[in-house]
Amino acid sequence: MSNILITGASGFIGKSLSLRLAENHQVICMSRKDPGFNLPWVKGTFASFEDLARVDNYQVDMLVHLGAVTGGVTERECILVNVEGTRCLLQYLINRGCKKYVLASSIAAVGFHDRKFRPLYLPITDDHPCLDRSGYGISKYFMEEISKYCYRQNEDIDVINLRLSSVCTDDNMPPLREIGPLTEWSLGGITIMNLTDAIRAFMMSIETPYQPGVRIMNAAGPKAWTSVPVAEILRNWWGDDVNLSYFEQPGHEYNSVYEVSRIKQEIGFIASHTPEVVSS
C-alpha cells in the first residue's frame, strides 16, 4: 500500500481515479474544490508553496499529477500553472523523498490544436517535437522537459508522462467522425478514449515496477475515432502537406494518428473501448 498524492482530485478524471486508488492505497487529494468524498483533502493549488506546505503532514510515496489549466486560457496562465507550477510541485516532493511520479501530459503537446499544425510524420510518435503556436501545447511539452530536468538533478526518480488523448464518459461517447472541415483541436476529435480506459492507463502506470528515468508515452486508443478511413479525413484537412502512406497500407486504414506501441510495451496498456466495439 502506497501513500499517493493526487492533484486535480476534484476534476473529471481525478474523482474517479481517487476513488479507485483508495481501494488499495492511502490517497491524499489536492484541489481547489472539495472532491466530495471521505478522503484526506488539501485545499489549494500545487503552484503555491504556501498551499504545498499543507501537505507536510502527510507521507507521500507517489504523485499522480492531474491538475492543470487547459486550452482556452492565456499563454501566461498555461506557463505559470502547467510549467512553473509543476516545477514547484516536483521539487517540493523530491525534497521530501518521493520517488515515483505519474504526470498527465497531453497529445496536444505536439501543438495540433492550431489549424496550421502539420505533423512531421505519421503516426505521431511519443517523442514528436512540439510545434505549438498557442501556449497550451508548449506548456505541456515544457512540463515534460521539467520532469527531465528534475531527473537530471535526481537520478533515482521514476517519472511517467502520459500524453493523454481526449477522454469522454463511458455512456456519452461522441459519434464516429466523418469527413469534415479542419477546426482547432481536430485531431483531438478523432483521438478519443473512454473514462474507464483512461483510469486503467493511470492505474497501470502507477502499478508498474519502479524504474528510474523519464518516460513519455501516448495514452490513446489503437484506432482512430472515425467511421471512414483516416487518410480520407486527413487529406481533406491537409491535402498533400503530410505523407499519408501509412494509412493507405492494408490493415492501417483506421489506425490511430498517434503511435501507441510504447505504452503497450512499457506498461501493457491497450485501450479496449474502440470504434469496432462501438459499431458492433
C-alpha atoms as a PDB file:
ATOM      1  CA  MET A   1       0.000   0.000   0.000  1.00  0.00           C
ATOM      2  CA  SER A   2       1.403   3.401  -1.030  1.00  0.00           C
ATOM      3  CA  ASN A   3       0.614   6.939   0.058  1.00  0.00           C
ATOM      4  CA  ILE A   4      -0.422   8.721  -3.145  1.00  0.00           C
ATOM      5  CA  LEU A   5      -0.947  12.437  -3.615  1.00  0.00           C
ATOM      6  CA  ILE A   6      -3.363  13.305  -6.423  1.00  0.00           C
ATOM      7  CA  THR A   7      -3.551  16.853  -7.744  1.00  0.00           C
ATOM      8  CA  GLY A   8      -6.679  17.891  -9.604  1.00  0.00           C
ATOM      9  CA  ALA A   9      -8.632  15.419  -7.474  1.00  0.00           C
ATOM     10  CA  SER A  10     -11.924  17.262  -7.983  1.00  0.00           C
ATOM     11  CA  GLY A  11     -11.695  17.029 -11.777  1.00  0.00           C
ATOM     12  CA  PHE A  12     -13.299  14.691 -14.287  1.00  0.00           C
ATOM     13  CA  ILE A  13     -10.572  12.037 -14.150  1.00  0.00           C
ATOM     14  CA  GLY A  14      -9.384  12.923 -10.649  1.00  0.00           C
ATOM     15  CA  LYS A  15     -12.608  11.973  -8.879  1.00  0.00           C
ATOM     16  CA  SER A  16     -12.844   8.544 -10.461  1.00  0.00           C
ATOM     17  CA  LEU A  17      -9.134   7.800 -10.109  1.00  0.00           C
ATOM     18  CA  SER A  18      -9.040   8.890  -6.450  1.00  0.00           C
ATOM     19  CA  LEU A  19     -11.853   6.523  -5.517  1.00  0.00           C
ATOM     20  CA  ARG A  20     -10.314   3.671  -7.493  1.00  0.00           C
ATOM     21  CA  LEU A  21      -6.902   4.135  -5.879  1.00  0.00           C
ATOM     22  CA  ALA A  22      -8.411   4.421  -2.418  1.00  0.00           C
ATOM     23  CA  GLU A  23      -9.433   0.768  -2.657  1.00  0.00           C
ATOM     24  CA  ASN A  24      -5.810  -0.294  -2.151  1.00  0.00           C
ATOM     25  CA  HIS A  25      -3.818   2.820  -1.253  1.00  0.00           C
ATOM     26  CA  GLN A  26      -3.804   5.777   1.086  1.00  0.00           C
ATOM     27  CA  VAL A  27      -4.895   8.712  -1.079  1.00  0.00           C
ATOM     28  CA  ILE A  28      -4.345  12.394  -0.337  1.00  0.00           C
ATOM     29  CA  CYS A  29      -6.381  14.682  -2.586  1.00  0.00           C
ATOM     30  CA  MET A  30      -5.235  18.164  -3.555  1.00  0.00           C
ATOM     31  CA  SER A  31      -7.551  20.563  -5.367  1.00  0.00           C
ATOM     32  CA  ARG A  32      -9.131  23.972  -5.039  1.00  0.00           C
ATOM     33  CA  LYS A  33     -12.615  22.462  -4.798  1.00  0.00           C
ATOM     34  CA  ASP A  34     -13.680  19.769  -2.369  1.00  0.00           C
ATOM     35  CA  PRO A  35     -13.751  16.443  -4.288  1.00  0.00           C
ATOM     36  CA  GLY A  36     -16.736  15.499  -2.166  1.00  0.00           C
ATOM     37  CA  PHE A  37     -15.716  12.147  -0.717  1.00  0.00           C
ATOM     38  CA  ASN A  38     -14.283  10.839   2.525  1.00  0.00           C
ATOM     39  CA  LEU A  39     -10.567  11.082   1.769  1.00  0.00           C
ATOM     40  CA  PRO A  40      -7.925  13.456   3.110  1.00  0.00           C
ATOM     41  CA  TRP A  41      -8.196  16.727   1.190  1.00  0.00           C
ATOM     42  CA  VAL A  42      -5.616  19.505   0.924  1.00  0.00           C
ATOM     43  CA  LYS A  43      -7.315  22.651  -0.307  1.00  0.00           C
ATOM     44  CA  GLY A  44      -5.138  24.697  -2.625  1.00  0.00           C
ATOM     45  CA  THR A  45      -3.041  24.738  -5.757  1.00  0.00           C
ATOM     46  CA  PHE A  46       0.174  22.881  -6.462  1.00  0.00           C
ATOM     47  CA  ALA A  47       1.644  26.112  -7.904  1.00  0.00           C
ATOM     48  CA  SER A  48       1.734  27.704  -4.425  1.00  0.00           C
ATOM     49  CA  PHE A  49       4.464  26.841  -1.933  1.00  0.00           C
ATOM     50  CA  GLU A  50       2.147  28.030   0.833  1.00  0.00           C
ATOM     51  CA  ASP A  51      -0.506  25.541  -0.249  1.00  0.00           C
ATOM     52  CA  LEU A  52       2.060  22.773  -0.720  1.00  0.00           C
ATOM     53  CA  ALA A  53       3.149  23.277   2.870  1.00  0.00           C
ATOM     54  CA  ARG A  54      -0.252  21.858   3.868  1.00  0.00           C
ATOM     55  CA  VAL A  55       0.939  18.505   2.514  1.00  0.00           C
ATOM     56  CA  ASP A  56       3.722  18.458   5.124  1.00  0.00           C
ATOM     57  CA  ASN A  57       1.557  16.442   7.491  1.00  0.00           C
ATOM     58  CA  TYR A  58       1.308  13.524   5.063  1.00  0.00           C
ATOM     59  CA  GLN A  59       3.786  10.909   3.916  1.00  0.00           C
ATOM     60  CA  VAL A  60       3.862  10.899   0.097  1.00  0.00           C
ATOM     61  CA  ASP A  61       5.356   7.922  -1.754  1.00  0.00           C
ATOM     62  CA  MET A  62       3.939   8.717  -5.164  1.00  0.00           C
ATOM     63  CA  LEU A  63       2.432  11.621  -7.109  1.00  0.00           C
ATOM     64  CA  VAL A  64      -0.357  11.463  -9.676  1.00  0.00           C
ATOM     65  CA  HIS A  65      -0.405  14.925 -11.229  1.00  0.00           C
ATOM     66  CA  LEU A  66      -3.711  15.653 -12.955  1.00  0.00           C
ATOM     67  CA  GLY A  67      -4.007  19.326 -12.024  1.00  0.00           C
ATOM     68  CA  ALA A  68      -3.556  21.776 -14.887  1.00  0.00           C
ATOM     69  CA  VAL A  69      -5.101  24.554 -16.887  1.00  0.00           C
ATOM     70  CA  THR A  70      -6.308  23.508 -20.309  1.00  0.00           C
ATOM     71  CA  GLY A  71      -6.898  25.174 -23.631  1.00  0.00           C
ATOM     72  CA  GLY A  72      -8.799  28.441 -23.689  1.00  0.00           C
ATOM     73  CA  VAL A  73      -6.693  30.307 -21.128  1.00  0.00           C
ATOM     74  CA  THR A  74      -3.842  32.730 -21.777  1.00  0.00           C
ATOM     75  CA  GLU A  75      -0.330  31.688 -22.669  1.00  0.00           C
ATOM     76  CA  ARG A  76       0.850  33.205 -19.387  1.00  0.00           C
ATOM     77  CA  GLU A  77      -1.596  31.113 -17.350  1.00  0.00           C
ATOM     78  CA  CYS A  78      -0.518  27.967 -19.191  1.00  0.00           C
ATOM     79  CA  ILE A  79       3.156  28.588 -18.451  1.00  0.00           C
ATOM     80  CA  LEU A  80       2.657  29.696 -14.844  1.00  0.00           C
ATOM     81  CA  VAL A  81       0.485  26.749 -13.874  1.00  0.00           C
ATOM     82  CA  ASN A  82       1.486  23.865 -16.128  1.00  0.00           C
ATOM     83  CA  VAL A  83       5.212  24.592 -16.206  1.00  0.00           C
ATOM     84  CA  GLU A  84       6.270  26.637 -13.190  1.00  0.00           C
ATOM     85  CA  GLY A  85       3.567  25.107 -11.009  1.00  0.00           C
ATOM     86  CA  THR A  86       4.701  21.601 -11.921  1.00  0.00           C
ATOM     87  CA  ARG A  87       8.317  22.547 -11.198  1.00  0.00           C
ATOM     88  CA  CYS A  88       7.312  23.762  -7.726  1.00  0.00           C
ATOM     89  CA  LEU A  89       5.363  20.573  -7.082  1.00  0.00           C
ATOM     90  CA  LEU A  90       8.096  18.198  -8.239  1.00  0.00           C
ATOM     91  CA  GLN A  91      10.851  19.980  -6.352  1.00  0.00           C
ATOM     92  CA  TYR A  92       8.749  20.019  -3.195  1.00  0.00           C
ATOM     93  CA  LEU A  93       8.102  16.279  -3.343  1.00  0.00           C
ATOM     94  CA  ILE A  94      11.626  15.363  -4.428  1.00  0.00           C
ATOM     95  CA  ASN A  95      12.941  17.233  -1.397  1.00  0.00           C
ATOM     96  CA  ARG A  96      10.600  15.108   0.725  1.00  0.00           C
ATOM     97  CA  GLY A  97      11.905  11.845  -0.723  1.00  0.00           C
ATOM     98  CA  CYS A  98       9.097  10.961  -3.141  1.00  0.00           C
ATOM     99  CA  LYS A  99      10.438   8.648  -5.854  1.00  0.00           C
ATOM    100  CA  LYS A 100       7.608   7.910  -8.284  1.00  0.00           C
ATOM    101  CA  TYR A 101       5.627  10.351 -10.429  1.00  0.00           C
ATOM    102  CA  VAL A 102       2.833   9.885 -12.969  1.00  0.00           C
ATOM    103  CA  LEU A 103       2.085  13.127 -14.810  1.00  0.00           C
ATOM    104  CA  ALA A 104      -0.875  13.867 -17.064  1.00  0.00           C
ATOM    105  CA  SER A 105       0.562  15.372 -20.211  1.00  0.00           C
ATOM    106  CA  SER A 106      -1.478  15.611 -23.412  1.00  0.00           C
ATOM    107  CA  ILE A 107      -1.450  14.558 -27.043  1.00  0.00           C
ATOM    108  CA  ALA A 108      -1.741  18.336 -27.592  1.00  0.00           C
ATOM    109  CA  ALA A 109       1.924  18.618 -26.560  1.00  0.00           C
ATOM    110  CA  VAL A 110       2.715  18.442 -30.284  1.00  0.00           C
ATOM    111  CA  GLY A 111       0.611  21.560 -30.913  1.00  0.00           C
ATOM    112  CA  PHE A 112      -2.158  20.057 -33.036  1.00  0.00           C
ATOM    113  CA  HIS A 113      -4.876  22.383 -31.772  1.00  0.00           C
ATOM    114  CA  ASP A 114      -3.769  25.117 -34.195  1.00  0.00           C
ATOM    115  CA  ARG A 115      -5.203  24.855 -37.719  1.00  0.00           C
ATOM    116  CA  LYS A 116      -1.719  25.498 -39.142  1.00  0.00           C
ATOM    117  CA  PHE A 117      -0.320  22.399 -37.438  1.00  0.00           C
ATOM    118  CA  ARG A 118       1.129  19.743 -39.706  1.00  0.00           C
ATOM    119  CA  PRO A 119       2.863  16.728 -38.124  1.00  0.00           C
ATOM    120  CA  LEU A 120       6.365  15.985 -39.349  1.00  0.00           C
ATOM    121  CA  TYR A 121       5.392  12.345 -39.841  1.00  0.00           C
ATOM    122  CA  LEU A 122       2.582   9.895 -39.192  1.00  0.00           C
ATOM    123  CA  PRO A 123       1.743   8.196 -36.972  1.00  0.00           C
ATOM    124  CA  ILE A 124       2.770  10.782 -34.375  1.00  0.00           C
ATOM    125  CA  THR A 125       5.320   9.229 -32.030  1.00  0.00           C
ATOM    126  CA  ASP A 126       5.729   9.772 -28.301  1.00  0.00           C
ATOM    127  CA  ASP A 127       8.769  11.997 -28.936  1.00  0.00           C
ATOM    128  CA  HIS A 128       7.351  14.093 -31.786  1.00  0.00           C
ATOM    129  CA  PRO A 129       8.598  17.675 -31.301  1.00  0.00           C
ATOM    130  CA  CYS A 130       6.292  20.450 -30.189  1.00  0.00           C
ATOM    131  CA  LEU A 131       5.061  22.718 -33.000  1.00  0.00           C
ATOM    132  CA  ASP A 132       2.637  24.695 -30.848  1.00  0.00           C
ATOM    133  CA  ARG A 133       1.580  28.278 -31.614  1.00  0.00           C
ATOM    134  CA  SER A 134      -0.947  28.993 -28.859  1.00  0.00           C
ATOM    135  CA  GLY A 135       0.630  28.294 -25.459  1.00  0.00           C
ATOM    136  CA  TYR A 136      -1.183  25.206 -24.201  1.00  0.00           C
ATOM    137  CA  GLY A 137       0.768  22.616 -26.172  1.00  0.00           C
ATOM    138  CA  ILE A 138       4.116  24.185 -25.354  1.00  0.00           C
ATOM    139  CA  SER A 139       3.180  24.280 -21.665  1.00  0.00           C
ATOM    140  CA  LYS A 140       2.597  20.525 -21.651  1.00  0.00           C
ATOM    141  CA  TYR A 141       5.802  19.944 -23.611  1.00  0.00           C
ATOM    142  CA  PHE A 142       7.737  22.134 -21.160  1.00  0.00           C
ATOM    143  CA  MET A 143       6.159  20.204 -18.282  1.00  0.00           C
ATOM    144  CA  GLU A 144       7.687  17.049 -19.735  1.00  0.00           C
ATOM    145  CA  GLU A 145      11.018  18.861 -20.080  1.00  0.00           C
ATOM    146  CA  ILE A 146      10.780  19.982 -16.443  1.00  0.00           C
ATOM    147  CA  SER A 147      10.431  16.330 -15.422  1.00  0.00           C
ATOM    148  CA  LYS A 148      13.594  15.529 -17.414  1.00  0.00           C
ATOM    149  CA  TYR A 149      15.369  18.438 -15.739  1.00  0.00           C
ATOM    150  CA  CYS A 150      14.358  17.172 -12.301  1.00  0.00           C
ATOM    151  CA  TYR A 151      15.576  13.694 -13.207  1.00  0.00           C
ATOM    152  CA  ARG A 152      18.978  15.046 -14.235  1.00  0.00           C
ATOM    153  CA  GLN A 153      19.217  16.515 -10.754  1.00  0.00           C
ATOM    154  CA  ASN A 154      17.820  13.394  -9.035  1.00  0.00           C
ATOM    155  CA  GLU A 155      18.564  10.216 -10.966  1.00  0.00           C
ATOM    156  CA  ASP A 156      16.643   7.983  -8.575  1.00  0.00           C
ATOM    157  CA  ILE A 157      13.172   9.281  -9.507  1.00  0.00           C
ATOM    158  CA  ASP A 158      10.777   7.413 -11.790  1.00  0.00           C
ATOM    159  CA  VAL A 159       8.629   9.690 -13.990  1.00  0.00           C
ATOM    160  CA  ILE A 160       5.937   8.658 -16.454  1.00  0.00           C
ATOM    161  CA  ASN A 161       4.392  11.382 -18.610  1.00  0.00           C
ATOM    162  CA  LEU A 162       1.150  10.171 -20.167  1.00  0.00           C
ATOM    163  CA  ARG A 163       0.259  12.114 -23.307  1.00  0.00           C
ATOM    164  CA  LEU A 164      -3.427  11.616 -22.715  1.00  0.00           C
ATOM    165  CA  SER A 165      -5.940  11.649 -25.546  1.00  0.00           C
ATOM    166  CA  SER A 166      -9.387  13.242 -25.380  1.00  0.00           C
ATOM    167  CA  VAL A 167     -11.435  11.427 -22.715  1.00  0.00           C
ATOM    168  CA  CYS A 168     -15.221  11.067 -22.615  1.00  0.00           C
ATOM    169  CA  THR A 169     -17.613   9.426 -20.175  1.00  0.00           C
ATOM    170  CA  ASP A 170     -18.377   5.818 -20.989  1.00  0.00           C
ATOM    171  CA  ASP A 171     -22.080   6.485 -21.578  1.00  0.00           C
ATOM    172  CA  ASN A 172     -21.624   9.636 -23.659  1.00  0.00           C
ATOM    173  CA  MET A 173     -19.087   8.811 -26.336  1.00  0.00           C
ATOM    174  CA  PRO A 174     -19.401  11.011 -29.440  1.00  0.00           C
ATOM    175  CA  PRO A 175     -20.394   9.621 -32.825  1.00  0.00           C
ATOM    176  CA  LEU A 176     -17.563   8.395 -35.016  1.00  0.00           C
ATOM    177  CA  ARG A 177     -16.130  11.237 -37.079  1.00  0.00           C
ATOM    178  CA  GLU A 178     -16.694  11.551 -40.802  1.00  0.00           C
ATOM    179  CA  ILE A 179     -15.057  13.857 -43.335  1.00  0.00           C
ATOM    180  CA  GLY A 180     -15.475  17.438 -42.223  1.00  0.00           C
ATOM    181  CA  PRO A 181     -13.731  20.818 -42.057  1.00  0.00           C
ATOM    182  CA  LEU A 182     -10.438  21.364 -40.247  1.00  0.00           C
ATOM    183  CA  THR A 183     -11.011  23.187 -36.961  1.00  0.00           C
ATOM    184  CA  GLU A 184      -8.995  23.859 -33.836  1.00  0.00           C
ATOM    185  CA  TRP A 185      -8.406  20.641 -31.851  1.00  0.00           C
ATOM    186  CA  SER A 186      -9.474  18.496 -34.835  1.00  0.00           C
ATOM    187  CA  LEU A 187      -7.029  15.676 -34.056  1.00  0.00           C
ATOM    188  CA  GLY A 188      -8.477  15.525 -30.565  1.00  0.00           C
ATOM    189  CA  GLY A 189     -11.849  14.758 -32.115  1.00  0.00           C
ATOM    190  CA  ILE A 190     -10.548  11.580 -33.763  1.00  0.00           C
ATOM    191  CA  THR A 191      -8.284  10.513 -30.871  1.00  0.00           C
ATOM    192  CA  ILE A 192     -10.655   9.552 -28.070  1.00  0.00           C
ATOM    193  CA  MET A 193     -10.755   7.148 -25.121  1.00  0.00           C
ATOM    194  CA  ASN A 194     -13.493   6.463 -22.634  1.00  0.00           C
ATOM    195  CA  LEU A 195     -13.007   7.216 -18.951  1.00  0.00           C
ATOM    196  CA  THR A 196     -12.647   3.568 -17.958  1.00  0.00           C
ATOM    197  CA  ASP A 197      -9.683   3.133 -20.299  1.00  0.00           C
ATOM    198  CA  ALA A 198      -8.103   6.397 -19.132  1.00  0.00           C
ATOM    199  CA  ILE A 199      -8.361   5.301 -15.490  1.00  0.00           C
ATOM    200  CA  ARG A 200      -6.825   1.971 -16.420  1.00  0.00           C
ATOM    201  CA  ALA A 201      -3.886   3.703 -18.141  1.00  0.00           C
ATOM    202  CA  PHE A 202      -3.177   5.658 -14.965  1.00  0.00           C
ATOM    203  CA  MET A 203      -3.603   2.596 -12.743  1.00  0.00           C
ATOM    204  CA  MET A 204      -1.180   0.569 -14.845  1.00  0.00           C
ATOM    205  CA  SER A 205       1.337   3.425 -14.796  1.00  0.00           C
ATOM    206  CA  ILE A 206       1.027   3.677 -11.027  1.00  0.00           C
ATOM    207  CA  GLU A 207       1.413  -0.055 -10.507  1.00  0.00           C
ATOM    208  CA  THR A 208       4.287  -0.623 -12.923  1.00  0.00           C
ATOM    209  CA  PRO A 209       7.522  -1.509 -11.100  1.00  0.00           C
ATOM    210  CA  TYR A 210       9.817   1.317 -10.034  1.00  0.00           C
ATOM    211  CA  GLN A 211      12.185   2.233 -12.888  1.00  0.00           C
ATOM    212  CA  PRO A 212      14.352   5.353 -12.522  1.00  0.00           C
ATOM    213  CA  GLY A 213      14.171   7.594 -15.578  1.00  0.00           C
ATOM    214  CA  VAL A 214      11.675   9.632 -17.558  1.00  0.00           C
ATOM    215  CA  ARG A 215       9.212   8.063 -19.973  1.00  0.00           C
ATOM    216  CA  ILE A 216       6.808   9.858 -22.314  1.00  0.00           C
ATOM    217  CA  MET A 217       4.011   7.755 -23.756  1.00  0.00           C
ATOM    218  CA  ASN A 218       0.996   8.426 -25.941  1.00  0.00           C
ATOM    219  CA  ALA A 219      -2.050   7.259 -23.975  1.00  0.00           C
ATOM    220  CA  ALA A 220      -4.577   6.782 -26.749  1.00  0.00           C
ATOM    221  CA  GLY A 221      -6.615   4.061 -28.354  1.00  0.00           C
ATOM    222  CA  PRO A 222      -5.131   1.922 -31.150  1.00  0.00           C
ATOM    223  CA  LYS A 223      -7.838   3.026 -33.596  1.00  0.00           C
ATOM    224  CA  ALA A 224      -8.933   6.473 -34.726  1.00  0.00           C
ATOM    225  CA  TRP A 225     -12.429   7.571 -33.712  1.00  0.00           C
ATOM    226  CA  THR A 226     -13.658   7.615 -37.308  1.00  0.00           C
ATOM    227  CA  SER A 227     -16.244   5.932 -39.481  1.00  0.00           C
ATOM    228  CA  VAL A 228     -14.216   6.423 -42.680  1.00  0.00           C
ATOM    229  CA  PRO A 229     -10.556   5.694 -43.465  1.00  0.00           C
ATOM    230  CA  VAL A 230      -8.208   8.075 -41.660  1.00  0.00           C
ATOM    231  CA  ALA A 231      -6.410   9.060 -44.862  1.00  0.00           C
ATOM    232  CA  GLU A 232      -9.641  10.495 -46.273  1.00  0.00           C
ATOM    233  CA  ILE A 233     -10.150  12.723 -43.239  1.00  0.00           C
ATOM    234  CA  LEU A 234      -6.543  13.887 -43.079  1.00  0.00           C
ATOM    235  CA  ARG A 235      -6.307  14.528 -46.816  1.00  0.00           C
ATOM    236  CA  ASN A 236      -9.395  16.718 -46.576  1.00  0.00           C
ATOM    237  CA  TRP A 237      -7.650  18.697 -43.815  1.00  0.00           C
ATOM    238  CA  TRP A 238      -4.078  18.804 -45.025  1.00  0.00           C
ATOM    239  CA  GLY A 239      -4.086  17.989 -48.730  1.00  0.00           C
ATOM    240  CA  ASP A 240      -0.616  16.851 -49.793  1.00  0.00           C
ATOM    241  CA  ASP A 241       1.191  18.649 -46.946  1.00  0.00           C
ATOM    242  CA  VAL A 242       1.689  15.412 -44.980  1.00  0.00           C
ATOM    243  CA  ASN A 243       2.669  11.912 -46.111  1.00  0.00           C
ATOM    244  CA  LEU A 244      -0.392   9.710 -45.553  1.00  0.00           C
ATOM    245  CA  SER A 245       1.049   6.494 -46.988  1.00  0.00           C
ATOM    246  CA  TYR A 246       0.984   4.741 -43.604  1.00  0.00           C
ATOM    247  CA  PHE A 247      -2.828   4.872 -43.556  1.00  0.00           C
ATOM    248  CA  GLU A 248      -3.036   3.599 -47.115  1.00  0.00           C
ATOM    249  CA  GLN A 249      -1.369   0.305 -46.231  1.00  0.00           C
ATOM    250  CA  PRO A 250      -3.707  -2.689 -45.820  1.00  0.00           C
ATOM    251  CA  GLY A 251      -4.768  -3.015 -42.199  1.00  0.00           C
ATOM    252  CA  HIS A 252      -3.767   0.551 -41.280  1.00  0.00           C
ATOM    253  CA  GLU A 253      -6.769   2.368 -42.716  1.00  0.00           C
ATOM    254  CA  TYR A 254      -8.396   3.051 -39.340  1.00  0.00           C
ATOM    255  CA  ASN A 255      -5.341   3.127 -37.089  1.00  0.00           C
ATOM    256  CA  SER A 256      -4.773   5.894 -34.570  1.00  0.00           C
ATOM    257  CA  VAL A 257      -2.994   9.034 -35.728  1.00  0.00           C
ATOM    258  CA  TYR A 258      -0.806   8.547 -32.627  1.00  0.00           C
ATOM    259  CA  GLU A 259       1.731   5.743 -32.242  1.00  0.00           C
ATOM    260  CA  VAL A 260       0.751   3.673 -29.195  1.00  0.00           C
ATOM    261  CA  SER A 261       3.221   0.804 -29.257  1.00  0.00           C
ATOM    262  CA  ARG A 262       5.424   2.143 -26.460  1.00  0.00           C
ATOM    263  CA  ILE A 263       2.683   2.292 -23.820  1.00  0.00           C
ATOM    264  CA  LYS A 264       1.773  -1.276 -24.716  1.00  0.00           C
ATOM    265  CA  GLN A 265       5.382  -2.425 -24.413  1.00  0.00           C
ATOM    266  CA  GLU A 266       6.233  -0.415 -21.296  1.00  0.00           C
ATOM    267  CA  ILE A 267       3.161  -0.951 -19.097  1.00  0.00           C
ATOM    268  CA  GLY A 268       0.948  -3.333 -21.090  1.00  0.00           C
ATOM    269  CA  PHE A 269      -1.832  -0.837 -21.771  1.00  0.00           C
ATOM    270  CA  ILE A 270      -4.169  -1.265 -24.732  1.00  0.00           C
ATOM    271  CA  ALA A 271      -7.428   0.703 -24.831  1.00  0.00           C
ATOM    272  CA  SER A 272     -10.328  -1.728 -25.054  1.00  0.00           C
ATOM    273  CA  HIS A 273     -13.184   0.644 -25.975  1.00  0.00           C
ATOM    274  CA  THR A 274     -12.558   1.065 -29.710  1.00  0.00           C
ATOM    275  CA  PRO A 275     -14.706   2.096 -32.679  1.00  0.00           C
ATOM    276  CA  GLU A 276     -15.159  -1.589 -33.567  1.00  0.00           C
ATOM    277  CA  VAL A 277     -16.729  -2.157 -30.153  1.00  0.00           C
ATOM    278  CA  VAL A 278     -18.997   0.850 -30.577  1.00  0.00           C
ATOM    279  CA  SER A 279     -20.083  -0.224 -34.061  1.00  0.00           C
ATOM    280  CA  SER A 280     -20.686  -3.889 -33.187  1.00  0.00           C
END
